[in-house]
């Protein structure tokens, strides 16, 4: 089991300086909480889009979906041209299959059982509108290796309810880190908001 992850102080300081206020074109409370906890003023503007893009390459899928959400916000009456805005989309790639949010407790149990003692990739597409600069997109990938999970551990985690609405059926920033053996790459990417990639996008 890994230790509970924390955001490095230098990242918090740099991101607050680069972007003290941001529009989050997403309904994700986890993304909002992550940014808010870092001292950023988050204005949430969820976008209701049909999350289908007709693509199969995982990196293209998450990037395209994030672009669609951002485009929806930019065309809406809620668009504020003077403030930066971001949109994101996160999926898990496991055994060559993209996995999103579980549809039920039973679905979450099957997903977590399949992850036991195995590696997955978590991909997040990130698109940003920067005033006077334009629209930019990128993506991030993290490798996550799960512990060998017993049925009792899986049932314990399901009872937390954290699987609801979470890509892959777990939330690493809450109790989900206890299911994980190791992470290669950004752990905030596993939440769905890669802080390092966001900072690079905002400053470059």
C-alpha atoms as a PDB file:
ATOM      1  CA  UNK A   1       0.000   0.000   0.000  1.00  0.00           C
ATOM      2  CA  UNK A   2       1.277   3.471  -0.870  1.00  0.00           C
ATOM      3  CA  UNK A   3       1.185   6.366   1.577  1.00  0.00           C
ATOM      4  CA  UNK A   4      -1.697   8.810   1.213  1.00  0.00           C
ATOM      5  CA  UNK A   5      -0.567  11.212  -1.540  1.00  0.00           C
ATOM      6  CA  UNK A   6      -0.173  14.946  -0.999  1.00  0.00           C
ATOM      7  CA  UNK A   7       0.385  17.793  -3.445  1.00  0.00           C
ATOM      8  CA  UNK A   8       3.909  19.200  -3.181  1.00  0.00           C
ATOM      9  CA  UNK A   9       4.024  22.746  -1.784  1.00  0.00           C
ATOM     10  CA  UNK A  10       6.037  24.090  -4.721  1.00  0.00           C
ATOM     11  CA  UNK A  11       3.302  22.952  -7.131  1.00  0.00           C
ATOM     12  CA  UNK A  12       0.624  24.630  -5.040  1.00  0.00           C
ATOM     13  CA  UNK A  13       2.564  27.896  -4.949  1.00  0.00           C
ATOM     14  CA  UNK A  14       3.329  27.859  -8.683  1.00  0.00           C
ATOM     15  CA  UNK A  15      -0.242  27.011  -9.722  1.00  0.00           C
ATOM     16  CA  UNK A  16      -1.770  29.674  -7.466  1.00  0.00           C
ATOM     17  CA  UNK A  17       0.583  32.239  -8.975  1.00  0.00           C
ATOM     18  CA  UNK A  18      -0.173  31.164 -12.546  1.00  0.00           C
ATOM     19  CA  UNK A  19      -3.913  30.919 -12.065  1.00  0.00           C
ATOM     20  CA  UNK A  20      -5.542  32.295  -8.890  1.00  0.00           C
ATOM     21  CA  UNK A  21      -9.038  31.942 -10.408  1.00  0.00           C
ATOM     22  CA  UNK A  22     -10.158  29.383 -12.958  1.00  0.00           C
ATOM     23  CA  UNK A  23     -13.321  28.164 -14.667  1.00  0.00           C
ATOM     24  CA  UNK A  24     -13.763  24.403 -14.333  1.00  0.00           C
ATOM     25  CA  UNK A  25     -15.982  23.150 -17.155  1.00  0.00           C
ATOM     26  CA  UNK A  26     -16.709  19.922 -15.328  1.00  0.00           C
ATOM     27  CA  UNK A  27     -19.201  18.560 -12.821  1.00  0.00           C
ATOM     28  CA  UNK A  28     -16.456  16.684 -10.959  1.00  0.00           C
ATOM     29  CA  UNK A  29     -16.448  17.546  -7.275  1.00  0.00           C
ATOM     30  CA  UNK A  30     -13.091  15.745  -6.935  1.00  0.00           C
ATOM     31  CA  UNK A  31     -11.396  18.052  -9.424  1.00  0.00           C
ATOM     32  CA  UNK A  32     -12.990  21.091  -7.820  1.00  0.00           C
ATOM     33  CA  UNK A  33     -11.930  19.958  -4.339  1.00  0.00           C
ATOM     34  CA  UNK A  34      -8.341  19.308  -5.431  1.00  0.00           C
ATOM     35  CA  UNK A  35      -7.998  22.810  -6.906  1.00  0.00           C
ATOM     36  CA  UNK A  36      -9.864  24.473  -4.036  1.00  0.00           C
ATOM     37  CA  UNK A  37      -7.642  22.743  -1.473  1.00  0.00           C
ATOM     38  CA  UNK A  38      -4.673  24.295  -3.277  1.00  0.00           C
ATOM     39  CA  UNK A  39      -6.112  27.763  -2.667  1.00  0.00           C
ATOM     40  CA  UNK A  40      -7.456  28.356  -6.170  1.00  0.00           C
ATOM     41  CA  UNK A  41     -10.784  30.100  -6.633  1.00  0.00           C
ATOM     42  CA  UNK A  42     -12.798  27.642  -8.737  1.00  0.00           C
ATOM     43  CA  UNK A  43     -15.907  28.653 -10.664  1.00  0.00           C
ATOM     44  CA  UNK A  44     -17.607  25.463 -11.751  1.00  0.00           C
ATOM     45  CA  UNK A  45     -19.494  25.371 -15.044  1.00  0.00           C
ATOM     46  CA  UNK A  46     -20.504  21.731 -15.763  1.00  0.00           C
ATOM     47  CA  UNK A  47     -21.103  20.792 -19.403  1.00  0.00           C
ATOM     48  CA  UNK A  48     -23.646  18.174 -20.420  1.00  0.00           C
ATOM     49  CA  UNK A  49     -22.237  16.539 -23.550  1.00  0.00           C
ATOM     50  CA  UNK A  50     -22.639  13.168 -25.209  1.00  0.00           C
ATOM     51  CA  UNK A  51     -19.333  11.540 -24.256  1.00  0.00           C
ATOM     52  CA  UNK A  52     -18.854   9.718 -27.547  1.00  0.00           C
ATOM     53  CA  UNK A  53     -16.182  10.663 -30.077  1.00  0.00           C
ATOM     54  CA  UNK A  54     -15.913   7.709 -32.488  1.00  0.00           C
ATOM     55  CA  UNK A  55     -12.195   7.262 -31.759  1.00  0.00           C
ATOM     56  CA  UNK A  56     -10.367   4.235 -30.367  1.00  0.00           C
ATOM     57  CA  UNK A  57      -6.852   5.454 -29.548  1.00  0.00           C
ATOM     58  CA  UNK A  58      -7.019   6.102 -25.763  1.00  0.00           C
ATOM     59  CA  UNK A  59      -4.971   9.317 -25.795  1.00  0.00           C
ATOM     60  CA  UNK A  60      -7.101  10.715 -28.620  1.00  0.00           C
ATOM     61  CA  UNK A  61     -10.323   9.707 -26.867  1.00  0.00           C
ATOM     62  CA  UNK A  62      -9.627  11.558 -23.593  1.00  0.00           C
ATOM     63  CA  UNK A  63      -8.158  14.577 -25.383  1.00  0.00           C
ATOM     64  CA  UNK A  64     -11.084  14.846 -27.799  1.00  0.00           C
ATOM     65  CA  UNK A  65     -13.660  14.532 -25.026  1.00  0.00           C
ATOM     66  CA  UNK A  66     -11.931  17.244 -23.006  1.00  0.00           C
ATOM     67  CA  UNK A  67     -11.972  19.495 -26.101  1.00  0.00           C
ATOM     68  CA  UNK A  68     -15.684  18.871 -26.582  1.00  0.00           C
ATOM     69  CA  UNK A  69     -16.434  19.926 -23.000  1.00  0.00           C
ATOM     70  CA  UNK A  70     -14.348  23.071 -23.339  1.00  0.00           C
ATOM     71  CA  UNK A  71     -15.939  23.935 -26.676  1.00  0.00           C
ATOM     72  CA  UNK A  72     -19.373  23.535 -25.109  1.00  0.00           C
ATOM     73  CA  UNK A  73     -18.443  26.012 -22.371  1.00  0.00           C
ATOM     74  CA  UNK A  74     -16.921  28.516 -24.812  1.00  0.00           C
ATOM     75  CA  UNK A  75     -20.147  28.531 -26.831  1.00  0.00           C
ATOM     76  CA  UNK A  76     -22.385  28.887 -23.784  1.00  0.00           C
ATOM     77  CA  UNK A  77     -23.910  32.028 -22.271  1.00  0.00           C
ATOM     78  CA  UNK A  78     -21.762  31.368 -19.175  1.00  0.00           C
ATOM     79  CA  UNK A  79     -18.477  31.967 -21.038  1.00  0.00           C
ATOM     80  CA  UNK A  80     -16.279  34.576 -19.328  1.00  0.00           C
ATOM     81  CA  UNK A  81     -13.583  35.606 -21.836  1.00  0.00           C
ATOM     82  CA  UNK A  82     -11.361  37.244 -19.220  1.00  0.00           C
ATOM     83  CA  UNK A  83     -10.884  34.095 -17.128  1.00  0.00           C
ATOM     84  CA  UNK A  84      -8.924  30.931 -17.973  1.00  0.00           C
ATOM     85  CA  UNK A  85     -10.988  27.761 -18.275  1.00  0.00           C
ATOM     86  CA  UNK A  86     -10.154  24.065 -18.229  1.00  0.00           C
ATOM     87  CA  UNK A  87     -11.991  20.850 -19.018  1.00  0.00           C
ATOM     88  CA  UNK A  88     -10.849  17.303 -18.432  1.00  0.00           C
ATOM     89  CA  UNK A  89     -11.759  13.708 -19.165  1.00  0.00           C
ATOM     90  CA  UNK A  90     -10.313  10.659 -17.401  1.00  0.00           C
ATOM     91  CA  UNK A  91     -10.454   6.972 -18.331  1.00  0.00           C
ATOM     92  CA  UNK A  92      -8.652   3.827 -17.233  1.00  0.00           C
ATOM     93  CA  UNK A  93      -6.947   1.604 -19.799  1.00  0.00           C
ATOM     94  CA  UNK A  94      -6.855  -2.010 -18.642  1.00  0.00           C
ATOM     95  CA  UNK A  95      -6.233  -5.064 -20.809  1.00  0.00           C
ATOM     96  CA  UNK A  96      -6.617  -2.878 -23.926  1.00  0.00           C
ATOM     97  CA  UNK A  97     -10.087  -1.768 -22.789  1.00  0.00           C
ATOM     98  CA  UNK A  98     -11.103   1.736 -21.736  1.00  0.00           C
ATOM     99  CA  UNK A  99     -12.977   1.763 -18.448  1.00  0.00           C
ATOM    100  CA  UNK A 100     -15.054   4.668 -17.198  1.00  0.00           C
ATOM    101  CA  UNK A 101     -17.366   4.988 -14.214  1.00  0.00           C
ATOM    102  CA  UNK A 102     -19.046   1.803 -12.917  1.00  0.00           C
ATOM    103  CA  UNK A 103     -22.771   1.541 -13.540  1.00  0.00           C
ATOM    104  CA  UNK A 104     -23.533  -0.214 -10.259  1.00  0.00           C
ATOM    105  CA  UNK A 105     -21.995  -1.748  -7.150  1.00  0.00           C
ATOM    106  CA  UNK A 106     -21.800  -5.099  -8.938  1.00  0.00           C
ATOM    107  CA  UNK A 107     -20.019  -3.470 -11.871  1.00  0.00           C
ATOM    108  CA  UNK A 108     -17.566  -1.772  -9.496  1.00  0.00           C
ATOM    109  CA  UNK A 109     -16.877  -5.069  -7.748  1.00  0.00           C
ATOM    110  CA  UNK A 110     -16.111  -6.788 -11.054  1.00  0.00           C
ATOM    111  CA  UNK A 111     -13.803  -3.932 -12.095  1.00  0.00           C
ATOM    112  CA  UNK A 112     -11.874  -3.850  -8.820  1.00  0.00           C
ATOM    113  CA  UNK A 113     -11.590  -7.646  -8.772  1.00  0.00           C
ATOM    114  CA  UNK A 114     -10.041  -7.552 -12.243  1.00  0.00           C
ATOM    115  CA  UNK A 115      -7.520  -4.903 -11.112  1.00  0.00           C
ATOM    116  CA  UNK A 116      -6.206  -7.128  -8.296  1.00  0.00           C
ATOM    117  CA  UNK A 117      -2.391  -7.452  -8.441  1.00  0.00           C
ATOM    118  CA  UNK A 118      -2.313  -5.979 -11.951  1.00  0.00           C
ATOM    119  CA  UNK A 119      -1.226  -2.789 -13.735  1.00  0.00           C
ATOM    120  CA  UNK A 120      -3.461  -0.237 -15.405  1.00  0.00           C
ATOM    121  CA  UNK A 121      -2.964   3.110 -17.102  1.00  0.00           C
ATOM    122  CA  UNK A 122      -4.954   6.173 -16.114  1.00  0.00           C
ATOM    123  CA  UNK A 123      -5.279   8.730 -18.905  1.00  0.00           C
ATOM    124  CA  UNK A 124      -6.560  12.271 -18.582  1.00  0.00           C
ATOM    125  CA  UNK A 125      -7.207  14.645 -21.451  1.00  0.00           C
ATOM    126  CA  UNK A 126      -6.821  18.305 -20.543  1.00  0.00           C
ATOM    127  CA  UNK A 127      -7.985  21.286 -22.601  1.00  0.00           C
ATOM    128  CA  UNK A 128      -7.585  24.921 -21.600  1.00  0.00           C
ATOM    129  CA  UNK A 129      -8.736  28.326 -22.760  1.00  0.00           C
ATOM    130  CA  UNK A 130      -6.197  31.028 -21.894  1.00  0.00           C
ATOM    131  CA  UNK A 131      -7.314  34.649 -22.387  1.00  0.00           C
ATOM    132  CA  UNK A 132      -5.423  36.424 -25.189  1.00  0.00           C
ATOM    133  CA  UNK A 133      -3.503  33.227 -25.936  1.00  0.00           C
ATOM    134  CA  UNK A 134      -5.964  30.680 -27.286  1.00  0.00           C
ATOM    135  CA  UNK A 135      -6.981  27.079 -26.762  1.00  0.00           C
ATOM    136  CA  UNK A 136      -4.500  24.350 -25.875  1.00  0.00           C
ATOM    137  CA  UNK A 137      -4.788  20.615 -25.218  1.00  0.00           C
ATOM    138  CA  UNK A 138      -2.596  17.914 -23.755  1.00  0.00           C
ATOM    139  CA  UNK A 139      -2.909  14.614 -21.905  1.00  0.00           C
ATOM    140  CA  UNK A 140      -1.221  12.771 -19.064  1.00  0.00           C
ATOM    141  CA  UNK A 141      -0.714   9.078 -18.350  1.00  0.00           C
ATOM    142  CA  UNK A 142      -0.017   7.396 -15.012  1.00  0.00           C
ATOM    143  CA  UNK A 143       0.658   3.724 -14.360  1.00  0.00           C
ATOM    144  CA  UNK A 144      -1.097   2.268 -11.326  1.00  0.00           C
ATOM    145  CA  UNK A 145      -0.379  -1.171  -9.861  1.00  0.00           C
ATOM    146  CA  UNK A 146      -2.973  -2.602  -7.480  1.00  0.00           C
ATOM    147  CA  UNK A 147      -2.386  -4.709  -4.419  1.00  0.00           C
ATOM    148  CA  UNK A 148      -3.683  -8.274  -4.424  1.00  0.00           C
ATOM    149  CA  UNK A 149      -7.240  -7.637  -3.258  1.00  0.00           C
ATOM    150  CA  UNK A 150      -9.237 -10.095  -1.197  1.00  0.00           C
ATOM    151  CA  UNK A 151     -13.002 -10.198  -1.438  1.00  0.00           C
ATOM    152  CA  UNK A 152     -13.230  -8.761   2.084  1.00  0.00           C
ATOM    153  CA  UNK A 153     -11.082  -5.759   1.104  1.00  0.00           C
ATOM    154  CA  UNK A 154     -13.157  -5.160  -2.005  1.00  0.00           C
ATOM    155  CA  UNK A 155     -16.401  -5.346  -0.018  1.00  0.00           C
ATOM    156  CA  UNK A 156     -14.945  -2.944   2.567  1.00  0.00           C
ATOM    157  CA  UNK A 157     -14.098  -0.470  -0.170  1.00  0.00           C
ATOM    158  CA  UNK A 158     -17.472  -0.787  -1.864  1.00  0.00           C
ATOM    159  CA  UNK A 159     -19.116  -0.031   1.469  1.00  0.00           C
ATOM    160  CA  UNK A 160     -17.355   3.359   1.510  1.00  0.00           C
ATOM    161  CA  UNK A 161     -19.384   4.331  -1.568  1.00  0.00           C
ATOM    162  CA  UNK A 162     -16.318   5.992  -3.087  1.00  0.00           C
ATOM    163  CA  UNK A 163     -16.671   3.962  -6.276  1.00  0.00           C
ATOM    164  CA  UNK A 164     -19.746   5.926  -7.319  1.00  0.00           C
ATOM    165  CA  UNK A 165     -18.942   8.277 -10.187  1.00  0.00           C
ATOM    166  CA  UNK A 166     -15.226   7.425 -10.194  1.00  0.00           C
ATOM    167  CA  UNK A 167     -13.372   6.269 -13.302  1.00  0.00           C
ATOM    168  CA  UNK A 168     -12.160   2.753 -12.572  1.00  0.00           C
ATOM    169  CA  UNK A 169     -14.331   2.562  -9.468  1.00  0.00           C
ATOM    170  CA  UNK A 170     -11.918   4.060  -6.915  1.00  0.00           C
ATOM    171  CA  UNK A 171     -10.785   7.417  -5.543  1.00  0.00           C
ATOM    172  CA  UNK A 172      -7.087   7.489  -4.746  1.00  0.00           C
ATOM    173  CA  UNK A 173      -7.337  10.759  -2.830  1.00  0.00           C
ATOM    174  CA  UNK A 174      -9.716   9.171  -0.329  1.00  0.00           C
ATOM    175  CA  UNK A 175      -9.536   5.547   0.884  1.00  0.00           C
ATOM    176  CA  UNK A 176      -8.673   4.205  -2.577  1.00  0.00           C
ATOM    177  CA  UNK A 177      -4.936   4.668  -2.039  1.00  0.00           C
ATOM    178  CA  UNK A 178      -5.087   1.683   0.309  1.00  0.00           C
ATOM    179  CA  UNK A 179      -5.823  -0.541  -2.705  1.00  0.00           C
ATOM    180  CA  UNK A 180      -2.734   0.616  -4.601  1.00  0.00           C
ATOM    181  CA  UNK A 181       0.760  -0.878  -4.509  1.00  0.00           C
ATOM    182  CA  UNK A 182       2.545   1.726  -6.626  1.00  0.00           C
ATOM    183  CA  UNK A 183       2.080   4.697  -8.956  1.00  0.00           C
ATOM    184  CA  UNK A 184       4.372   5.737 -11.788  1.00  0.00           C
ATOM    185  CA  UNK A 185       3.665   9.304 -12.848  1.00  0.00           C
ATOM    186  CA  UNK A 186       1.330  11.957 -11.475  1.00  0.00           C
ATOM    187  CA  UNK A 187      -1.024  10.827  -8.727  1.00  0.00           C
ATOM    188  CA  UNK A 188      -3.206  13.908  -9.268  1.00  0.00           C
ATOM    189  CA  UNK A 189      -3.727  12.583 -12.775  1.00  0.00           C
ATOM    190  CA  UNK A 190      -5.327   9.523 -11.174  1.00  0.00           C
ATOM    191  CA  UNK A 191      -7.804  11.890  -9.492  1.00  0.00           C
ATOM    192  CA  UNK A 192      -8.558  13.352 -12.903  1.00  0.00           C
ATOM    193  CA  UNK A 193      -6.687  16.671 -12.746  1.00  0.00           C
ATOM    194  CA  UNK A 194      -2.944  16.325 -13.452  1.00  0.00           C
ATOM    195  CA  UNK A 195      -1.528  19.324 -11.609  1.00  0.00           C
ATOM    196  CA  UNK A 196       1.895  19.119 -13.252  1.00  0.00           C
ATOM    197  CA  UNK A 197       0.469  19.024 -16.773  1.00  0.00           C
ATOM    198  CA  UNK A 198      -1.959  21.832 -15.923  1.00  0.00           C
ATOM    199  CA  UNK A 199       0.836  24.047 -14.613  1.00  0.00           C
ATOM    200  CA  UNK A 200       2.939  23.427 -17.707  1.00  0.00           C
ATOM    201  CA  UNK A 201      -0.007  24.253 -19.950  1.00  0.00           C
ATOM    202  CA  UNK A 202      -0.763  27.487 -18.090  1.00  0.00           C
ATOM    203  CA  UNK A 203       2.834  28.717 -17.981  1.00  0.00           C
ATOM    204  CA  UNK A 204       4.054  27.641 -21.432  1.00  0.00           C
END
